[in-house]
Amino acid sequence: MRTFTHNNKGDTILDRDGDRILFTFIGNTFTMEEQDHMEFPVPQDDLFEMLGDYFDAGKHADIFDELTIPGQDALWDALFWMNERNIKL
């Protein structure tokens, strides 16, 4: 499991469960209520590429439109950070 900071320390969590990537974004750190939670049954590199396609060309809207805008941004930041450092879950 990896935690990241988007708006508040540790508000973004990426984890692997078998072949799935689990994403959690906690939008309200006062109540610790999950704002976004989603499972992705694709490899990390594919998820990063799909999210980039979503931002660039609107592809995969059926998946990523379910996330809030801060959640989308937090997922992108976490995947980008790991990609830049060649870190795999």
C-alpha atoms as a PDB file:
ATOM      1  CA  MET A   1       0.000   0.000   0.000  1.00  0.00           C
ATOM      2  CA  ARG A   2       1.158   3.514  -0.766  1.00  0.00           C
ATOM      3  CA  THR A   3      -0.224   6.735   0.641  1.00  0.00           C
ATOM      4  CA  PHE A   4       0.088  10.116  -1.001  1.00  0.00           C
ATOM      5  CA  THR A   5      -0.730  13.706  -0.171  1.00  0.00           C
ATOM      6  CA  HIS A   6      -3.067  15.567  -2.464  1.00  0.00           C
ATOM      7  CA  ASN A   7      -4.820  18.149  -0.292  1.00  0.00           C
ATOM      8  CA  ASN A   8      -4.011  16.690   3.119  1.00  0.00           C
ATOM      9  CA  LYS A   9      -1.346  14.294   4.364  1.00  0.00           C
ATOM     10  CA  GLY A  10      -2.197  10.694   3.510  1.00  0.00           C
ATOM     11  CA  ASP A  11      -5.509  11.495   1.815  1.00  0.00           C
ATOM     12  CA  THR A  12      -4.783   9.308  -1.210  1.00  0.00           C
ATOM     13  CA  ILE A  13      -4.255   5.556  -0.970  1.00  0.00           C
ATOM     14  CA  LEU A  14      -3.288   3.125  -3.706  1.00  0.00           C
ATOM     15  CA  ASP A  15      -3.066  -0.572  -2.966  1.00  0.00           C
ATOM     16  CA  ARG A  16      -2.901  -3.817  -4.896  1.00  0.00           C
ATOM     17  CA  ASP A  17      -5.190  -6.749  -4.260  1.00  0.00           C
ATOM     18  CA  GLY A  18      -4.207  -9.506  -6.647  1.00  0.00           C
ATOM     19  CA  ASP A  19      -4.861  -8.221 -10.157  1.00  0.00           C
ATOM     20  CA  ARG A  20      -6.764  -5.146  -8.970  1.00  0.00           C
ATOM     21  CA  ILE A  21      -5.575  -1.700  -7.986  1.00  0.00           C
ATOM     22  CA  LEU A  22      -7.589  -0.203  -5.146  1.00  0.00           C
ATOM     23  CA  PHE A  23      -7.870   3.572  -5.002  1.00  0.00           C
ATOM     24  CA  THR A  24      -9.207   5.592  -2.076  1.00  0.00           C
ATOM     25  CA  PHE A  25      -9.351   9.358  -1.787  1.00  0.00           C
ATOM     26  CA  ILE A  26     -10.374  10.900   1.529  1.00  0.00           C
ATOM     27  CA  GLY A  27     -11.869  14.273   0.718  1.00  0.00           C
ATOM     28  CA  ASN A  28     -12.677  15.264   4.287  1.00  0.00           C
ATOM     29  CA  THR A  29      -9.818  14.499   6.647  1.00  0.00           C
ATOM     30  CA  PHE A  30     -11.809  15.840   9.598  1.00  0.00           C
ATOM     31  CA  THR A  31     -14.370  13.024   9.346  1.00  0.00           C
ATOM     32  CA  MET A  32     -12.034  10.671   7.439  1.00  0.00           C
ATOM     33  CA  GLU A  33     -14.933   9.975   5.104  1.00  0.00           C
ATOM     34  CA  GLU A  34     -13.968   8.415   1.791  1.00  0.00           C
ATOM     35  CA  GLN A  35     -14.901  10.693  -1.045  1.00  0.00           C
ATOM     36  CA  ASP A  36     -13.845   8.265  -3.769  1.00  0.00           C
ATOM     37  CA  HIS A  37     -13.180   4.550  -3.750  1.00  0.00           C
ATOM     38  CA  MET A  38     -12.706   2.514  -6.882  1.00  0.00           C
ATOM     39  CA  GLU A  39     -11.179  -0.774  -7.976  1.00  0.00           C
ATOM     40  CA  PHE A  40      -9.368  -1.019 -11.287  1.00  0.00           C
ATOM     41  CA  PRO A  41      -8.827  -4.505 -12.789  1.00  0.00           C
ATOM     42  CA  VAL A  42      -5.950  -3.343 -15.003  1.00  0.00           C
ATOM     43  CA  PRO A  43      -2.163  -3.148 -14.589  1.00  0.00           C
ATOM     44  CA  GLN A  44      -0.725   0.069 -13.164  1.00  0.00           C
ATOM     45  CA  ASP A  45       0.832   1.167 -16.471  1.00  0.00           C
ATOM     46  CA  ASP A  46      -2.479   0.651 -18.278  1.00  0.00           C
ATOM     47  CA  LEU A  47      -4.349   2.614 -15.616  1.00  0.00           C
ATOM     48  CA  PHE A  48      -1.897   5.508 -15.934  1.00  0.00           C
ATOM     49  CA  GLU A  49      -2.295   5.499 -19.735  1.00  0.00           C
ATOM     50  CA  MET A  50      -6.100   5.247 -19.525  1.00  0.00           C
ATOM     51  CA  LEU A  51      -6.303   8.196 -17.127  1.00  0.00           C
ATOM     52  CA  GLY A  52      -4.049  10.234 -19.412  1.00  0.00           C
ATOM     53  CA  ASP A  53      -6.335   9.377 -22.351  1.00  0.00           C
ATOM     54  CA  TYR A  54      -9.300  10.476 -20.251  1.00  0.00           C
ATOM     55  CA  PHE A  55      -7.756  13.883 -19.544  1.00  0.00           C
ATOM     56  CA  ASP A  56      -6.440  14.353 -23.092  1.00  0.00           C
ATOM     57  CA  ALA A  57      -9.274  12.983 -25.198  1.00  0.00           C
ATOM     58  CA  GLY A  58     -12.219  12.131 -22.963  1.00  0.00           C
ATOM     59  CA  LYS A  59     -11.715   8.392 -23.406  1.00  0.00           C
ATOM     60  CA  HIS A  60     -12.820   6.006 -20.622  1.00  0.00           C
ATOM     61  CA  ALA A  61     -15.386   8.503 -19.316  1.00  0.00           C
ATOM     62  CA  ASP A  62     -17.540   5.544 -18.292  1.00  0.00           C
ATOM     63  CA  ILE A  63     -14.890   4.747 -15.687  1.00  0.00           C
ATOM     64  CA  PHE A  64     -13.354   8.014 -14.544  1.00  0.00           C
ATOM     65  CA  ASP A  65     -16.506  10.159 -14.542  1.00  0.00           C
ATOM     66  CA  GLU A  66     -17.509   8.204 -11.423  1.00  0.00           C
ATOM     67  CA  LEU A  67     -14.700   9.917  -9.495  1.00  0.00           C
ATOM     68  CA  THR A  68     -14.911  13.457  -8.190  1.00  0.00           C
ATOM     69  CA  ILE A  69     -12.618  15.991  -9.825  1.00  0.00           C
ATOM     70  CA  PRO A  70     -10.344  16.098  -6.737  1.00  0.00           C
ATOM     71  CA  GLY A  71     -10.305  12.281  -6.791  1.00  0.00           C
ATOM     72  CA  GLN A  72      -9.324  12.223 -10.458  1.00  0.00           C
ATOM     73  CA  ASP A  73      -6.549  14.701  -9.751  1.00  0.00           C
ATOM     74  CA  ALA A  74      -5.332  12.737  -6.714  1.00  0.00           C
ATOM     75  CA  LEU A  75      -5.257   9.486  -8.719  1.00  0.00           C
ATOM     76  CA  TRP A  76      -3.318  11.185 -11.517  1.00  0.00           C
ATOM     77  CA  ASP A  77      -0.806  12.731  -9.093  1.00  0.00           C
ATOM     78  CA  ALA A  78      -0.173   9.372  -7.392  1.00  0.00           C
ATOM     79  CA  LEU A  79       0.176   7.434 -10.658  1.00  0.00           C
ATOM     80  CA  PHE A  80       2.383  10.147 -12.166  1.00  0.00           C
ATOM     81  CA  TRP A  81       4.651  10.192  -9.102  1.00  0.00           C
ATOM     82  CA  MET A  82       5.073   6.408  -9.196  1.00  0.00           C
ATOM     83  CA  ASN A  83       5.609   6.383 -12.967  1.00  0.00           C
ATOM     84  CA  GLU A  84       8.356   9.023 -12.733  1.00  0.00           C
ATOM     85  CA  ARG A  85      10.169   6.890 -10.161  1.00  0.00           C
ATOM     86  CA  ASN A  86       9.480   3.493 -11.778  1.00  0.00           C
ATOM     87  CA  ILE A  87       7.635   2.312  -8.658  1.00  0.00           C
ATOM     88  CA  LYS A  88       5.117  -0.512  -8.980  1.00  0.00           C
ATOM     89  CA  LEU A  89       2.488  -1.478  -6.446  1.00  0.00           C
END
